[in-house]
Amino acid sequence: HNVQSGKFIIELSKSALVVSNTGKDFDAKDRLFDRFSKSSESEGMGLGLAITKQVCNLYGYEISYKQINKWHIFSVSFDTEY
């Protein structure tokens, strides 16, 4: 889900994993973590984000999404009490 000549960045620290990529605007943000959700211009999200959300829930991590300009940013916060 990137654009031609797009960029992809992965950042990892003790407290978070942040995955960012360039791409088109996404109009289905409320269904982003649903299985097989689709936006008007997408072939679909498949299972990847839905599985990621379930793993985060299992371990008490928090996953979030935001879009800044043409960047899609997914953050997993590891701040837990384990």
PDB file of N, CA and C in Angstrom:
ATOM      1  N   HIS A   1       0.840  -1.189   0.000  1.00  0.00           N
ATOM      2  CA  HIS A   1       0.000   0.000   0.000  1.00  0.00           C
ATOM      3  C   HIS A   1       0.875   1.239   0.000  1.00  0.00           C
ATOM      4  N   ASN A   2       1.732   1.363  -0.957  1.00  0.00           N
ATOM      5  CA  ASN A   2       2.596   2.528  -1.097  1.00  0.00           C
ATOM      6  C   ASN A   2       2.434   3.046  -2.518  1.00  0.00           C
ATOM      7  N   VAL A   3       3.065   4.144  -2.808  1.00  0.00           N
ATOM      8  CA  VAL A   3       3.027   4.717  -4.144  1.00  0.00           C
ATOM      9  C   VAL A   3       4.363   4.447  -4.823  1.00  0.00           C
ATOM     10  N   GLN A   4       4.387   4.547  -6.133  1.00  0.00           N
ATOM     11  CA  GLN A   4       5.626   4.336  -6.857  1.00  0.00           C
ATOM     12  C   GLN A   4       6.674   5.327  -6.359  1.00  0.00           C
ATOM     13  N   SER A   5       7.883   4.848  -6.105  1.00  0.00           N
ATOM     14  CA  SER A   5       8.992   5.631  -5.551  1.00  0.00           C
ATOM     15  C   SER A   5       8.694   6.146  -4.147  1.00  0.00           C
ATOM     16  N   GLY A   6       7.790   5.463  -3.443  1.00  0.00           N
ATOM     17  CA  GLY A   6       7.438   5.857  -2.083  1.00  0.00           C
ATOM     18  C   GLY A   6       8.537   5.500  -1.098  1.00  0.00           C
ATOM     19  N   LYS A   7       8.311   5.901   0.133  1.00  0.00           N
ATOM     20  CA  LYS A   7       9.288   5.670   1.191  1.00  0.00           C
ATOM     21  C   LYS A   7       8.664   4.826   2.294  1.00  0.00           C
ATOM     22  N   PHE A   8       9.529   4.138   3.042  1.00  0.00           N
ATOM     23  CA  PHE A   8       9.110   3.252   4.111  1.00  0.00           C
ATOM     24  C   PHE A   8      10.135   3.383   5.239  1.00  0.00           C
ATOM     25  N   ILE A   9       9.682   3.636   6.457  1.00  0.00           N
ATOM     26  CA  ILE A   9      10.588   3.817   7.585  1.00  0.00           C
ATOM     27  C   ILE A   9      10.131   2.931   8.743  1.00  0.00           C
ATOM     28  N   ILE A  10      11.076   2.243   9.378  1.00  0.00           N
ATOM     29  CA  ILE A  10      10.805   1.451  10.574  1.00  0.00           C
ATOM     30  C   ILE A  10      11.687   1.994  11.695  1.00  0.00           C
ATOM     31  N   GLU A  11      11.054   2.309  12.831  1.00  0.00           N
ATOM     32  CA  GLU A  11      11.783   2.787  13.997  1.00  0.00           C
ATOM     33  C   GLU A  11      11.414   1.891  15.182  1.00  0.00           C
ATOM     34  N   LEU A  12      12.428   1.442  15.919  1.00  0.00           N
ATOM     35  CA  LEU A  12      12.207   0.566  17.055  1.00  0.00           C
ATOM     36  C   LEU A  12      12.972   1.107  18.253  1.00  0.00           C
ATOM     37  N   SER A  13      12.280   1.196  19.380  1.00  0.00           N
ATOM     38  CA  SER A  13      12.909   1.570  20.641  1.00  0.00           C
ATOM     39  C   SER A  13      12.402   0.615  21.713  1.00  0.00           C
ATOM     40  N   LYS A  14      12.842   0.788  22.949  1.00  0.00           N
ATOM     41  CA  LYS A  14      12.364  -0.066  24.037  1.00  0.00           C
ATOM     42  C   LYS A  14      10.880   0.142  24.301  1.00  0.00           C
ATOM     43  N   SER A  15      10.355   1.320  23.957  1.00  0.00           N
ATOM     44  CA  SER A  15       8.962   1.629  24.285  1.00  0.00           C
ATOM     45  C   SER A  15       8.000   1.556  23.107  1.00  0.00           C
ATOM     46  N   ALA A  16       8.504   1.496  21.860  1.00  0.00           N
ATOM     47  CA  ALA A  16       7.575   1.526  20.725  1.00  0.00           C
ATOM     48  C   ALA A  16       8.202   1.011  19.434  1.00  0.00           C
ATOM     49  N   LEU A  17       7.321   0.556  18.562  1.00  0.00           N
ATOM     50  CA  LEU A  17       7.648   0.235  17.177  1.00  0.00           C
ATOM     51  C   LEU A  17       6.807   1.172  16.325  1.00  0.00           C
ATOM     52  N   VAL A  18       7.457   1.911  15.425  1.00  0.00           N
ATOM     53  CA  VAL A  18       6.745   2.840  14.551  1.00  0.00           C
ATOM     54  C   VAL A  18       7.070   2.479  13.109  1.00  0.00           C
ATOM     55  N   VAL A  19       6.030   2.219  12.327  1.00  0.00           N
ATOM     56  CA  VAL A  19       6.173   1.892  10.908  1.00  0.00           C
ATOM     57  C   VAL A  19       5.452   2.976  10.123  1.00  0.00           C
ATOM     58  N   SER A  20       6.185   3.634   9.215  1.00  0.00           N
ATOM     59  CA  SER A  20       5.626   4.735   8.435  1.00  0.00           C
ATOM     60  C   SER A  20       5.871   4.486   6.953  1.00  0.00           C
ATOM     61  N   ASN A  21       4.899   4.847   6.149  1.00  0.00           N
ATOM     62  CA  ASN A  21       5.101   4.782   4.704  1.00  0.00           C
ATOM     63  C   ASN A  21       4.297   5.875   4.021  1.00  0.00           C
ATOM     64  N   THR A  22       4.781   6.266   2.855  1.00  0.00           N
ATOM     65  CA  THR A  22       4.047   7.220   2.044  1.00  0.00           C
ATOM     66  C   THR A  22       2.932   6.471   1.325  1.00  0.00           C
ATOM     67  N   GLY A  23       1.930   7.195   0.900  1.00  0.00           N
ATOM     68  CA  GLY A  23       0.838   6.548   0.189  1.00  0.00           C
ATOM     69  C   GLY A  23      -0.308   7.493  -0.070  1.00  0.00           C
ATOM     70  N   LYS A  24      -1.315   6.967  -0.727  1.00  0.00           N
ATOM     71  CA  LYS A  24      -2.516   7.746  -1.016  1.00  0.00           C
ATOM     72  C   LYS A  24      -3.329   7.961   0.250  1.00  0.00           C
ATOM     73  N   ASP A  25      -4.209   8.967   0.215  1.00  0.00           N
ATOM     74  CA  ASP A  25      -5.127   9.171   1.332  1.00  0.00           C
ATOM     75  C   ASP A  25      -5.987   7.928   1.504  1.00  0.00           C
ATOM     76  N   PHE A  26      -6.338   7.637   2.735  1.00  0.00           N
ATOM     77  CA  PHE A  26      -7.124   6.452   3.058  1.00  0.00           C
ATOM     78  C   PHE A  26      -8.429   6.902   3.679  1.00  0.00           C
ATOM     79  N   ASP A  27      -9.554   6.488   3.125  1.00  0.00           N
ATOM     80  CA  ASP A  27     -10.852   6.988   3.577  1.00  0.00           C
ATOM     81  C   ASP A  27     -11.599   6.054   4.524  1.00  0.00           C
ATOM     82  N   ALA A  28     -10.998   4.953   4.916  1.00  0.00           N
ATOM     83  CA  ALA A  28     -11.687   3.984   5.779  1.00  0.00           C
ATOM     84  C   ALA A  28     -10.952   3.808   7.101  1.00  0.00           C
ATOM     85  N   LYS A  29     -10.530   4.906   7.700  1.00  0.00           N
ATOM     86  CA  LYS A  29      -9.741   4.846   8.932  1.00  0.00           C
ATOM     87  C   LYS A  29     -10.470   4.142  10.067  1.00  0.00           C
ATOM     88  N   ASP A  30     -11.786   4.259  10.114  1.00  0.00           N
ATOM     89  CA  ASP A  30     -12.552   3.626  11.184  1.00  0.00           C
ATOM     90  C   ASP A  30     -12.618   2.106  11.035  1.00  0.00           C
ATOM     91  N   ARG A  31     -12.289   1.579   9.863  1.00  0.00           N
ATOM     92  CA  ARG A  31     -12.304   0.129   9.617  1.00  0.00           C
ATOM     93  C   ARG A  31     -10.902  -0.431   9.380  1.00  0.00           C
ATOM     94  N   LEU A  32      -9.895   0.353   9.703  1.00  0.00           N
ATOM     95  CA  LEU A  32      -8.511   0.017   9.398  1.00  0.00           C
ATOM     96  C   LEU A  32      -8.076  -1.331   9.962  1.00  0.00           C
ATOM     97  N   PHE A  33      -8.513  -1.675  11.169  1.00  0.00           N
ATOM     98  CA  PHE A  33      -8.088  -2.907  11.823  1.00  0.00           C
ATOM     99  C   PHE A  33      -9.122  -4.026  11.687  1.00  0.00           C
ATOM    100  N   ASP A  34     -10.127  -3.830  10.838  1.00  0.00           N
ATOM    101  CA  ASP A  34     -11.124  -4.869  10.568  1.00  0.00           C
ATOM    102  C   ASP A  34     -10.591  -5.821   9.502  1.00  0.00           C
ATOM    103  N   ARG A  35     -10.970  -7.089   9.609  1.00  0.00           N
ATOM    104  CA  ARG A  35     -10.550  -8.065   8.604  1.00  0.00           C
ATOM    105  C   ARG A  35     -11.134  -7.726   7.240  1.00  0.00           C
ATOM    106  N   PHE A  36     -10.296  -7.773   6.227  1.00  0.00           N
ATOM    107  CA  PHE A  36     -10.674  -7.602   4.823  1.00  0.00           C
ATOM    108  C   PHE A  36     -11.378  -6.280   4.532  1.00  0.00           C
ATOM    109  N   SER A  37     -11.106  -5.230   5.315  1.00  0.00           N
ATOM    110  CA  SER A  37     -11.736  -3.935   5.034  1.00  0.00           C
ATOM    111  C   SER A  37     -11.154  -3.344   3.760  1.00  0.00           C
ATOM    112  N   LYS A  38     -11.925  -2.466   3.130  1.00  0.00           N
ATOM    113  CA  LYS A  38     -11.516  -1.845   1.875  1.00  0.00           C
ATOM    114  C   LYS A  38     -11.794  -0.361   1.916  1.00  0.00           C
ATOM    115  N   SER A  39     -10.936   0.392   1.247  1.00  0.00           N
ATOM    116  CA  SER A  39     -11.226   1.796   0.982  1.00  0.00           C
ATOM    117  C   SER A  39     -11.733   1.881  -0.448  1.00  0.00           C
ATOM    118  N   SER A  40     -12.132   3.026  -0.865  1.00  0.00           N
ATOM    119  CA  SER A  40     -12.685   3.170  -2.213  1.00  0.00           C
ATOM    120  C   SER A  40     -11.637   2.928  -3.297  1.00  0.00           C
ATOM    121  N   GLU A  41     -10.341   3.117  -2.977  1.00  0.00           N
ATOM    122  CA  GLU A  41      -9.283   2.956  -3.981  1.00  0.00           C
ATOM    123  C   GLU A  41      -8.389   1.754  -3.715  1.00  0.00           C
ATOM    124  N   SER A  42      -8.752   0.885  -2.785  1.00  0.00           N
ATOM    125  CA  SER A  42      -7.867  -0.206  -2.378  1.00  0.00           C
ATOM    126  C   SER A  42      -8.464  -1.556  -2.719  1.00  0.00           C
ATOM    127  N   GLU A  43      -7.571  -2.523  -2.926  1.00  0.00           N
ATOM    128  CA  GLU A  43      -8.020  -3.890  -3.127  1.00  0.00           C
ATOM    129  C   GLU A  43      -8.357  -4.555  -1.805  1.00  0.00           C
ATOM    130  N   GLY A  44      -8.004  -3.950  -0.699  1.00  0.00           N
ATOM    131  CA  GLY A  44      -8.365  -4.478   0.608  1.00  0.00           C
ATOM    132  C   GLY A  44      -7.176  -4.588   1.536  1.00  0.00           C
ATOM    133  N   MET A  45      -7.471  -4.648   2.816  1.00  0.00           N
ATOM    134  CA  MET A  45      -6.426  -4.710   3.831  1.00  0.00           C
ATOM    135  C   MET A  45      -6.037  -6.134   4.177  1.00  0.00           C
ATOM    136  N   GLY A  46      -6.843  -7.106   3.836  1.00  0.00           N
ATOM    137  CA  GLY A  46      -6.518  -8.479   4.180  1.00  0.00           C
ATOM    138  C   GLY A  46      -6.620  -8.709   5.670  1.00  0.00           C
ATOM    139  N   LEU A  47      -5.721  -9.531   6.193  1.00  0.00           N
ATOM    140  CA  LEU A  47      -5.757  -9.898   7.608  1.00  0.00           C
ATOM    141  C   LEU A  47      -4.639  -9.283   8.436  1.00  0.00           C
ATOM    142  N   GLY A  48      -3.612  -8.737   7.814  1.00  0.00           N
ATOM    143  CA  GLY A  48      -2.416  -8.287   8.519  1.00  0.00           C
ATOM    144  C   GLY A  48      -2.668  -7.332   9.670  1.00  0.00           C
ATOM    145  N   LEU A  49      -3.394  -6.254   9.437  1.00  0.00           N
ATOM    146  CA  LEU A  49      -3.635  -5.283  10.501  1.00  0.00           C
ATOM    147  C   LEU A  49      -4.596  -5.821  11.554  1.00  0.00           C
ATOM    148  N   ALA A  50      -5.548  -6.644  11.145  1.00  0.00           N
ATOM    149  CA  ALA A  50      -6.469  -7.246  12.110  1.00  0.00           C
ATOM    150  C   ALA A  50      -5.717  -8.192  13.045  1.00  0.00           C
ATOM    151  N   ILE A  51      -4.804  -8.983  12.510  1.00  0.00           N
ATOM    152  CA  ILE A  51      -3.999  -9.892  13.334  1.00  0.00           C
ATOM    153  C   ILE A  51      -3.076  -9.088  14.242  1.00  0.00           C
ATOM    154  N   THR A  52      -2.455  -8.053  13.711  1.00  0.00           N
ATOM    155  CA  THR A  52      -1.585  -7.195  14.508  1.00  0.00           C
ATOM    156  C   THR A  52      -2.336  -6.601  15.686  1.00  0.00           C
ATOM    157  N   LYS A  53      -3.552  -6.137  15.452  1.00  0.00           N
ATOM    158  CA  LYS A  53      -4.382  -5.566  16.521  1.00  0.00           C
ATOM    159  C   LYS A  53      -4.673  -6.620  17.587  1.00  0.00           C
ATOM    160  N   GLN A  54      -4.985  -7.842  17.185  1.00  0.00           N
ATOM    161  CA  GLN A  54      -5.280  -8.903  18.149  1.00  0.00           C
ATOM    162  C   GLN A  54      -4.045  -9.270  18.982  1.00  0.00           C
ATOM    163  N   VAL A  55      -2.874  -9.308  18.359  1.00  0.00           N
ATOM    164  CA  VAL A  55      -1.637  -9.587  19.093  1.00  0.00           C
ATOM    165  C   VAL A  55      -1.376  -8.472  20.109  1.00  0.00           C
ATOM    166  N   CYS A  56      -1.569  -7.234  19.698  1.00  0.00           N
ATOM    167  CA  CYS A  56      -1.396  -6.102  20.622  1.00  0.00           C
ATOM    168  C   CYS A  56      -2.364  -6.215  21.795  1.00  0.00           C
ATOM    169  N   ASN A  57      -3.606  -6.558  21.523  1.00  0.00           N
ATOM    170  CA  ASN A  57      -4.594  -6.728  22.593  1.00  0.00           C
ATOM    171  C   ASN A  57      -4.168  -7.836  23.557  1.00  0.00           C
ATOM    172  N   LEU A  58      -3.662  -8.942  23.019  1.00  0.00           N
ATOM    173  CA  LEU A  58      -3.247 -10.080  23.832  1.00  0.00           C
ATOM    174  C   LEU A  58      -2.136  -9.700  24.814  1.00  0.00           C
ATOM    175  N   TYR A  59      -1.175  -8.906  24.350  1.00  0.00           N
ATOM    176  CA  TYR A  59      -0.025  -8.556  25.177  1.00  0.00           C
ATOM    177  C   TYR A  59      -0.170  -7.218  25.906  1.00  0.00           C
ATOM    178  N   GLY A  60      -1.299  -6.564  25.737  1.00  0.00           N
ATOM    179  CA  GLY A  60      -1.521  -5.295  26.414  1.00  0.00           C
ATOM    180  C   GLY A  60      -0.818  -4.120  25.769  1.00  0.00           C
ATOM    181  N   TYR A  61      -0.443  -4.256  24.506  1.00  0.00           N
ATOM    182  CA  TYR A  61       0.172  -3.151  23.774  1.00  0.00           C
ATOM    183  C   TYR A  61      -0.920  -2.287  23.169  1.00  0.00           C
ATOM    184  N   GLU A  62      -0.580  -1.063  22.855  1.00  0.00           N
ATOM    185  CA  GLU A  62      -1.534  -0.166  22.206  1.00  0.00           C
ATOM    186  C   GLU A  62      -1.055   0.122  20.795  1.00  0.00           C
ATOM    187  N   ILE A  63      -1.935  -0.076  19.815  1.00  0.00           N
ATOM    188  CA  ILE A  63      -1.600   0.243  18.431  1.00  0.00           C
ATOM    189  C   ILE A  63      -2.433   1.441  18.012  1.00  0.00           C
ATOM    190  N   SER A  64      -1.804   2.336  17.272  1.00  0.00           N
ATOM    191  CA  SER A  64      -2.522   3.522  16.800  1.00  0.00           C
ATOM    192  C   SER A  64      -2.100   3.848  15.376  1.00  0.00           C
ATOM    193  N   TYR A  65      -2.932   4.640  14.735  1.00  0.00           N
ATOM    194  CA  TYR A  65      -2.687   5.057  13.358  1.00  0.00           C
ATOM    195  C   TYR A  65      -2.949   6.542  13.252  1.00  0.00           C
ATOM    196  N   LYS A  66      -2.118   7.218  12.491  1.00  0.00           N
ATOM    197  CA  LYS A  66      -2.387   8.606  12.130  1.00  0.00           C
ATOM    198  C   LYS A  66      -1.813   8.865  10.751  1.00  0.00           C
ATOM    199  N   GLN A  67      -2.369   9.864  10.101  1.00  0.00           N
ATOM    200  CA  GLN A  67      -1.883  10.253   8.782  1.00  0.00           C
ATOM    201  C   GLN A  67      -1.455  11.708   8.864  1.00  0.00           C
ATOM    202  N   ILE A  68      -0.230  11.966   8.469  1.00  0.00           N
ATOM    203  CA  ILE A  68       0.298  13.325   8.428  1.00  0.00           C
ATOM    204  C   ILE A  68       0.784  13.566   7.015  1.00  0.00           C
ATOM    205  N   ASN A  69       0.149  14.527   6.353  1.00  0.00           N
ATOM    206  CA  ASN A  69       0.404  14.786   4.939  1.00  0.00           C
ATOM    207  C   ASN A  69       0.189  13.488   4.168  1.00  0.00           C
ATOM    208  N   LYS A  70       1.154  13.007   3.453  1.00  0.00           N
ATOM    209  CA  LYS A  70       1.007  11.751   2.693  1.00  0.00           C
ATOM    210  C   LYS A  70       1.638  10.564   3.412  1.00  0.00           C
ATOM    211  N   TRP A  71       1.956  10.724   4.703  1.00  0.00           N
ATOM    212  CA  TRP A  71       2.571   9.652   5.486  1.00  0.00           C
ATOM    213  C   TRP A  71       1.533   8.937   6.325  1.00  0.00           C
ATOM    214  N   HIS A  72       1.544   7.608   6.279  1.00  0.00           N
ATOM    215  CA  HIS A  72       0.707   6.759   7.122  1.00  0.00           C
ATOM    216  C   HIS A  72       1.619   6.232   8.225  1.00  0.00           C
ATOM    217  N   ILE A  73       1.223   6.452   9.477  1.00  0.00           N
ATOM    218  CA  ILE A  73       2.096   6.137  10.604  1.00  0.00           C
ATOM    219  C   ILE A  73       1.366   5.204  11.575  1.00  0.00           C
ATOM    220  N   PHE A  74       1.926   4.015  11.760  1.00  0.00           N
ATOM    221  CA  PHE A  74       1.395   3.027  12.699  1.00  0.00           C
ATOM    222  C   PHE A  74       2.365   2.934  13.866  1.00  0.00           C
ATOM    223  N   SER A  75       1.850   3.044  15.075  1.00  0.00           N
ATOM    224  CA  SER A  75       2.682   2.981  16.273  1.00  0.00           C
ATOM    225  C   SER A  75       2.163   1.887  17.203  1.00  0.00           C
ATOM    226  N   VAL A  76       3.088   1.068  17.698  1.00  0.00           N
ATOM    227  CA  VAL A  76       2.759   0.081  18.723  1.00  0.00           C
ATOM    228  C   VAL A  76       3.541   0.473  19.970  1.00  0.00           C
ATOM    229  N   SER A  77       2.811   0.803  21.022  1.00  0.00           N
ATOM    230  CA  SER A  77       3.423   1.193  22.285  1.00  0.00           C
ATOM    231  C   SER A  77       3.568  -0.039  23.169  1.00  0.00           C
ATOM    232  N   PHE A  78       4.795  -0.283  23.666  1.00  0.00           N
ATOM    233  CA  PHE A  78       5.076  -1.443  24.504  1.00  0.00           C
ATOM    234  C   PHE A  78       4.977  -1.139  25.986  1.00  0.00           C
ATOM    235  N   ASP A  79       4.567   0.046  26.348  1.00  0.00           N
ATOM    236  CA  ASP A  79       4.475   0.416  27.759  1.00  0.00           C
ATOM    237  C   ASP A  79       3.419  -0.430  28.438  1.00  0.00           C
ATOM    238  N   THR A  80       3.864  -1.501  29.069  1.00  0.00           N
ATOM    239  CA  THR A  80       2.947  -2.410  29.773  1.00  0.00           C
ATOM    240  C   THR A  80       3.472  -2.644  31.174  1.00  0.00           C
ATOM    241  N   GLU A  81       2.724  -3.358  31.961  1.00  0.00           N
ATOM    242  CA  GLU A  81       3.121  -3.659  33.322  1.00  0.00           C
ATOM    243  C   GLU A  81       3.706  -5.063  33.446  1.00  0.00           C
ATOM    244  N   TYR A  82       4.067  -5.706  32.347  1.00  0.00           N
ATOM    245  CA  TYR A  82       4.661  -7.045  32.391  1.00  0.00           C
ATOM    246  C   TYR A  82       6.063  -6.982  32.919  1.00  0.00           C
TER     247      TYR A  82
END
